[in-house]
Amino acid sequence: MEQGKKVGSTIESLRSTRTYGKFRCHNPTCMERLEPKKGQKTIKCPTCGMEFRVAWVKDGFPRIRGPVWSVNKKVAEEAFEMKMKAQDATKKESIEKKKEGK
C-alpha cells in the first residue's frame, strides 16, 4: 500500500457517489435519473413518459410515493397496442413467406 494514501471504508466510498434531491424512474426498462423542483407534487420521466407522485421527506429530499395511475395506464396501453401491431405484422410476414415457399 502506498504511504500517505487515505483508504476509507466501503460506506465512506459510497457516500461520495450519493445524490440528494434526485431519484431514478421506477420503470425497469428506463431507470432515468429524475430531479424534481422544490415542492413539485408530480414528475414525468422524459424518456419513458411514466409519471410519479413525489413526497418530500424534508426540504430538498424527495421520494417517489407511487405512480400516477391514469397516466401510466395510458402509457402502458399504448405500448401494448404497438407491441400487438408489431406482432401482427410479423405473423403476416411469416404467413406470406410460407405461401411463397409452397
N, C-alpha and C. Protein backbone atom coordinates (compact mmCIF):
# COMPACT_ATOMS: atom_id res chain seq x y z
N MET A 1 0.85 -1.17 0.00
CA MET A 1 0.00 0.00 0.00
C MET A 1 0.90 1.24 0.00
N GLU A 2 0.47 2.27 -0.73
CA GLU A 2 1.24 3.49 -0.83
C GLU A 2 1.18 4.26 0.48
N GLN A 3 2.29 4.93 0.80
CA GLN A 3 2.35 5.74 2.01
C GLN A 3 1.56 7.04 1.82
N GLY A 4 0.84 7.43 2.81
CA GLY A 4 0.13 8.70 2.80
C GLY A 4 -1.21 8.67 2.07
N LYS A 5 -1.54 7.56 1.45
CA LYS A 5 -2.82 7.46 0.75
C LYS A 5 -3.88 7.01 1.74
N LYS A 6 -4.95 7.81 1.84
CA LYS A 6 -6.02 7.51 2.79
C LYS A 6 -6.99 6.51 2.17
N VAL A 7 -7.24 5.44 2.87
CA VAL A 7 -8.18 4.43 2.40
C VAL A 7 -9.37 4.44 3.35
N GLY A 8 -10.57 4.59 2.78
CA GLY A 8 -11.77 4.63 3.60
C GLY A 8 -12.52 3.31 3.53
N SER A 9 -13.52 3.23 4.34
CA SER A 9 -14.35 2.03 4.32
C SER A 9 -15.26 2.06 3.10
N THR A 10 -15.97 0.97 2.88
CA THR A 10 -16.89 0.89 1.75
C THR A 10 -17.98 1.94 1.88
N ILE A 11 -18.50 2.12 3.06
CA ILE A 11 -19.55 3.11 3.28
C ILE A 11 -19.05 4.51 2.95
N GLU A 12 -17.82 4.81 3.34
CA GLU A 12 -17.26 6.12 3.06
C GLU A 12 -17.09 6.34 1.56
N SER A 13 -16.70 5.30 0.83
CA SER A 13 -16.53 5.45 -0.62
C SER A 13 -17.88 5.59 -1.32
N LEU A 14 -18.92 4.93 -0.80
CA LEU A 14 -20.25 5.06 -1.39
C LEU A 14 -20.87 6.42 -1.10
N ARG A 15 -20.53 7.02 0.01
CA ARG A 15 -21.07 8.32 0.38
C ARG A 15 -20.74 9.37 -0.68
N SER A 16 -19.57 9.27 -1.29
CA SER A 16 -19.17 10.26 -2.28
C SER A 16 -20.00 10.17 -3.56
N THR A 17 -20.62 9.02 -3.83
CA THR A 17 -21.43 8.87 -5.04
C THR A 17 -22.91 9.12 -4.80
N ARG A 18 -23.31 9.38 -3.57
CA ARG A 18 -24.72 9.59 -3.20
C ARG A 18 -25.24 10.90 -3.79
N THR A 19 -26.44 10.86 -4.35
CA THR A 19 -27.05 12.07 -4.89
C THR A 19 -28.30 12.39 -4.09
N TYR A 20 -28.40 13.60 -3.60
CA TYR A 20 -29.58 14.06 -2.87
C TYR A 20 -30.42 14.94 -3.78
N GLY A 21 -31.72 14.84 -3.64
CA GLY A 21 -32.61 15.64 -4.46
C GLY A 21 -32.95 14.99 -5.78
N LYS A 22 -32.47 13.76 -6.01
CA LYS A 22 -32.75 13.03 -7.25
C LYS A 22 -33.16 11.61 -6.91
N PHE A 23 -33.87 10.99 -7.84
CA PHE A 23 -34.17 9.56 -7.72
C PHE A 23 -34.33 9.00 -9.12
N ARG A 24 -34.37 7.69 -9.23
CA ARG A 24 -34.47 7.05 -10.53
C ARG A 24 -35.91 6.69 -10.86
N CYS A 25 -36.20 6.70 -12.15
CA CYS A 25 -37.51 6.28 -12.65
C CYS A 25 -37.70 4.81 -12.27
N HIS A 26 -38.90 4.46 -11.84
CA HIS A 26 -39.17 3.09 -11.40
C HIS A 26 -39.55 2.15 -12.54
N ASN A 27 -39.52 2.63 -13.77
CA ASN A 27 -39.74 1.77 -14.92
C ASN A 27 -38.46 0.95 -15.13
N PRO A 28 -38.53 -0.39 -15.02
CA PRO A 28 -37.30 -1.19 -15.10
C PRO A 28 -36.56 -1.09 -16.43
N THR A 29 -37.26 -0.73 -17.49
CA THR A 29 -36.58 -0.59 -18.78
C THR A 29 -36.00 0.80 -18.99
N CYS A 30 -36.25 1.71 -18.08
CA CYS A 30 -35.82 3.10 -18.24
C CYS A 30 -34.71 3.46 -17.24
N MET A 31 -35.05 3.56 -15.97
CA MET A 31 -34.12 3.91 -14.89
C MET A 31 -33.44 5.27 -15.08
N GLU A 32 -34.13 6.21 -15.71
CA GLU A 32 -33.63 7.57 -15.90
C GLU A 32 -33.57 8.29 -14.55
N ARG A 33 -32.57 9.15 -14.35
CA ARG A 33 -32.47 9.91 -13.11
C ARG A 33 -33.37 11.14 -13.20
N LEU A 34 -34.27 11.28 -12.23
CA LEU A 34 -35.22 12.38 -12.21
C LEU A 34 -34.88 13.34 -11.07
N GLU A 35 -35.05 14.63 -11.33
CA GLU A 35 -34.76 15.65 -10.32
C GLU A 35 -35.92 16.63 -10.25
N PRO A 36 -36.86 16.41 -9.30
CA PRO A 36 -38.00 17.32 -9.20
C PRO A 36 -37.59 18.67 -8.59
N LYS A 37 -38.32 19.70 -8.96
CA LYS A 37 -38.10 21.02 -8.37
C LYS A 37 -38.75 21.06 -6.99
N LYS A 38 -38.27 21.94 -6.13
CA LYS A 38 -38.79 22.02 -4.76
C LYS A 38 -40.30 22.19 -4.74
N GLY A 39 -40.97 21.35 -3.96
CA GLY A 39 -42.41 21.43 -3.79
C GLY A 39 -43.24 20.80 -4.90
N GLN A 40 -42.61 20.28 -5.93
CA GLN A 40 -43.32 19.69 -7.05
C GLN A 40 -44.05 18.42 -6.58
N LYS A 41 -45.32 18.27 -6.94
CA LYS A 41 -46.13 17.13 -6.48
C LYS A 41 -46.01 15.91 -7.38
N THR A 42 -45.78 16.12 -8.68
CA THR A 42 -45.61 15.01 -9.62
C THR A 42 -44.43 15.31 -10.53
N ILE A 43 -43.87 14.24 -11.10
CA ILE A 43 -42.79 14.40 -12.08
C ILE A 43 -42.98 13.35 -13.16
N LYS A 44 -42.73 13.76 -14.40
CA LYS A 44 -42.88 12.87 -15.55
C LYS A 44 -41.51 12.56 -16.12
N CYS A 45 -41.25 11.29 -16.37
CA CYS A 45 -39.97 10.88 -16.93
C CYS A 45 -39.92 11.29 -18.40
N PRO A 46 -38.89 12.02 -18.82
CA PRO A 46 -38.81 12.46 -20.20
C PRO A 46 -38.50 11.32 -21.17
N THR A 47 -37.95 10.22 -20.68
CA THR A 47 -37.57 9.11 -21.54
C THR A 47 -38.73 8.18 -21.84
N CYS A 48 -39.41 7.69 -20.79
CA CYS A 48 -40.45 6.67 -21.00
C CYS A 48 -41.86 7.22 -20.87
N GLY A 49 -42.05 8.41 -20.30
CA GLY A 49 -43.36 9.01 -20.20
C GLY A 49 -44.14 8.65 -18.94
N MET A 50 -43.57 7.80 -18.08
CA MET A 50 -44.25 7.44 -16.84
C MET A 50 -44.26 8.65 -15.91
N GLU A 51 -45.31 8.76 -15.10
CA GLU A 51 -45.44 9.90 -14.19
C GLU A 51 -45.57 9.37 -12.77
N PHE A 52 -44.91 10.05 -11.83
CA PHE A 52 -44.88 9.60 -10.44
C PHE A 52 -45.27 10.73 -9.49
N ARG A 53 -45.91 10.35 -8.38
CA ARG A 53 -46.21 11.31 -7.32
C ARG A 53 -44.96 11.46 -6.45
N VAL A 54 -44.68 12.67 -6.01
CA VAL A 54 -43.47 12.95 -5.24
C VAL A 54 -43.84 13.34 -3.81
N ALA A 55 -43.16 12.75 -2.84
CA ALA A 55 -43.29 13.12 -1.44
C ALA A 55 -41.98 13.76 -1.00
N TRP A 56 -42.07 14.76 -0.16
CA TRP A 56 -40.87 15.46 0.32
C TRP A 56 -40.64 15.06 1.77
N VAL A 57 -39.60 14.23 2.01
CA VAL A 57 -39.26 13.78 3.35
C VAL A 57 -38.84 14.97 4.19
N LYS A 58 -38.00 15.80 3.63
CA LYS A 58 -37.62 17.08 4.22
C LYS A 58 -37.21 17.98 3.07
N ASP A 59 -36.92 19.22 3.35
CA ASP A 59 -36.58 20.18 2.31
C ASP A 59 -35.39 19.69 1.48
N GLY A 60 -35.60 19.54 0.17
CA GLY A 60 -34.52 19.10 -0.71
C GLY A 60 -34.32 17.60 -0.74
N PHE A 61 -35.25 16.82 -0.19
CA PHE A 61 -35.08 15.37 -0.13
C PHE A 61 -36.37 14.68 -0.59
N PRO A 62 -36.55 14.52 -1.93
CA PRO A 62 -37.77 13.93 -2.47
C PRO A 62 -37.71 12.40 -2.51
N ARG A 63 -38.89 11.81 -2.50
CA ARG A 63 -39.04 10.36 -2.66
C ARG A 63 -40.26 10.10 -3.53
N ILE A 64 -40.26 8.99 -4.25
CA ILE A 64 -41.41 8.61 -5.05
C ILE A 64 -42.46 8.01 -4.13
N ARG A 65 -43.70 8.54 -4.19
CA ARG A 65 -44.81 7.98 -3.42
C ARG A 65 -45.45 6.84 -4.19
N GLY A 66 -45.52 7.00 -5.49
CA GLY A 66 -46.14 5.99 -6.33
C GLY A 66 -46.46 6.55 -7.70
N PRO A 67 -46.99 5.71 -8.57
CA PRO A 67 -47.30 6.18 -9.92
C PRO A 67 -48.59 6.98 -9.97
N VAL A 68 -48.71 7.80 -11.00
CA VAL A 68 -49.97 8.46 -11.32
C VAL A 68 -50.68 7.48 -12.24
N TRP A 69 -51.66 6.78 -11.71
CA TRP A 69 -52.24 5.62 -12.41
C TRP A 69 -52.86 5.97 -13.75
N SER A 70 -53.56 7.07 -13.86
CA SER A 70 -54.23 7.40 -15.13
C SER A 70 -53.21 7.58 -16.26
N VAL A 71 -52.12 8.25 -15.97
CA VAL A 71 -51.08 8.49 -16.98
C VAL A 71 -50.36 7.19 -17.32
N ASN A 72 -49.97 6.44 -16.29
CA ASN A 72 -49.21 5.22 -16.52
C ASN A 72 -50.04 4.15 -17.22
N LYS A 73 -51.34 4.12 -16.95
CA LYS A 73 -52.20 3.15 -17.63
C LYS A 73 -52.26 3.47 -19.12
N LYS A 74 -52.36 4.77 -19.44
CA LYS A 74 -52.39 5.18 -20.84
C LYS A 74 -51.08 4.83 -21.55
N VAL A 75 -49.95 5.07 -20.90
CA VAL A 75 -48.65 4.76 -21.47
C VAL A 75 -48.52 3.25 -21.70
N ALA A 76 -48.97 2.45 -20.73
CA ALA A 76 -48.90 1.00 -20.84
C ALA A 76 -49.80 0.48 -21.96
N GLU A 77 -51.00 1.04 -22.09
CA GLU A 77 -51.91 0.62 -23.16
C GLU A 77 -51.35 0.95 -24.54
N GLU A 78 -50.73 2.13 -24.68
CA GLU A 78 -50.13 2.50 -25.96
C GLU A 78 -48.97 1.56 -26.31
N ALA A 79 -48.15 1.23 -25.32
CA ALA A 79 -47.03 0.31 -25.56
C ALA A 79 -47.55 -1.07 -25.94
N PHE A 80 -48.62 -1.52 -25.28
CA PHE A 80 -49.21 -2.83 -25.58
C PHE A 80 -49.76 -2.86 -27.01
N GLU A 81 -50.47 -1.79 -27.41
CA GLU A 81 -51.00 -1.72 -28.77
C GLU A 81 -49.89 -1.75 -29.81
N MET A 82 -48.80 -1.03 -29.57
CA MET A 82 -47.68 -1.04 -30.50
C MET A 82 -47.07 -2.43 -30.61
N LYS A 83 -46.95 -3.12 -29.48
CA LYS A 83 -46.39 -4.47 -29.47
C LYS A 83 -47.29 -5.43 -30.24
N MET A 84 -48.60 -5.30 -30.05
CA MET A 84 -49.54 -6.18 -30.74
C MET A 84 -49.51 -5.94 -32.25
N LYS A 85 -49.42 -4.67 -32.67
CA LYS A 85 -49.33 -4.35 -34.10
C LYS A 85 -48.06 -4.94 -34.70
N ALA A 86 -46.96 -4.83 -33.97
CA ALA A 86 -45.69 -5.38 -34.46
C ALA A 86 -45.78 -6.90 -34.55
N GLN A 87 -46.42 -7.51 -33.58
CA GLN A 87 -46.58 -8.96 -33.58
C GLN A 87 -47.46 -9.41 -34.74
N ASP A 88 -48.55 -8.67 -35.00
CA ASP A 88 -49.44 -8.99 -36.12
C ASP A 88 -48.70 -8.87 -37.45
N ALA A 89 -47.89 -7.82 -37.59
CA ALA A 89 -47.13 -7.62 -38.81
C ALA A 89 -46.14 -8.76 -39.02
N THR A 90 -45.52 -9.23 -37.95
CA THR A 90 -44.58 -10.34 -38.03
C THR A 90 -45.30 -11.62 -38.45
N LYS A 91 -46.49 -11.86 -37.91
CA LYS A 91 -47.27 -13.04 -38.27
C LYS A 91 -47.65 -13.00 -39.75
N LYS A 92 -48.08 -11.83 -40.23
CA LYS A 92 -48.46 -11.69 -41.63
C LYS A 92 -47.28 -11.97 -42.55
N GLU A 93 -46.11 -11.48 -42.18
CA GLU A 93 -44.91 -11.71 -42.99
C GLU A 93 -44.56 -13.19 -43.04
N SER A 94 -44.67 -13.88 -41.92
CA SER A 94 -44.34 -15.30 -41.90
C SER A 94 -45.35 -16.11 -42.71
N ILE A 95 -46.64 -15.71 -42.69
CA ILE A 95 -47.65 -16.39 -43.49
C ILE A 95 -47.38 -16.19 -44.98
N GLU A 96 -47.01 -14.96 -45.35
CA GLU A 96 -46.71 -14.67 -46.75
C GLU A 96 -45.49 -15.44 -47.23
N LYS A 97 -44.48 -15.59 -46.39
CA LYS A 97 -43.29 -16.35 -46.75
C LYS A 97 -43.61 -17.82 -46.94
N LYS A 98 -44.51 -18.35 -46.09
CA LYS A 98 -44.91 -19.75 -46.22
C LYS A 98 -45.67 -19.97 -47.51
N LYS A 99 -46.54 -19.01 -47.91
CA LYS A 99 -47.29 -19.12 -49.15
C LYS A 99 -46.37 -19.08 -50.36
N GLU A 100 -45.35 -18.22 -50.32
CA GLU A 100 -44.40 -18.09 -51.42
C GLU A 100 -43.54 -19.35 -51.54
N GLY A 101 -43.26 -19.99 -50.44
CA GLY A 101 -42.41 -21.18 -50.43
C GLY A 101 -43.11 -22.42 -50.97
N LYS A 102 -44.44 -22.42 -51.01
CA LYS A 102 -45.18 -23.60 -51.47
C LYS A 102 -45.23 -23.71 -52.94
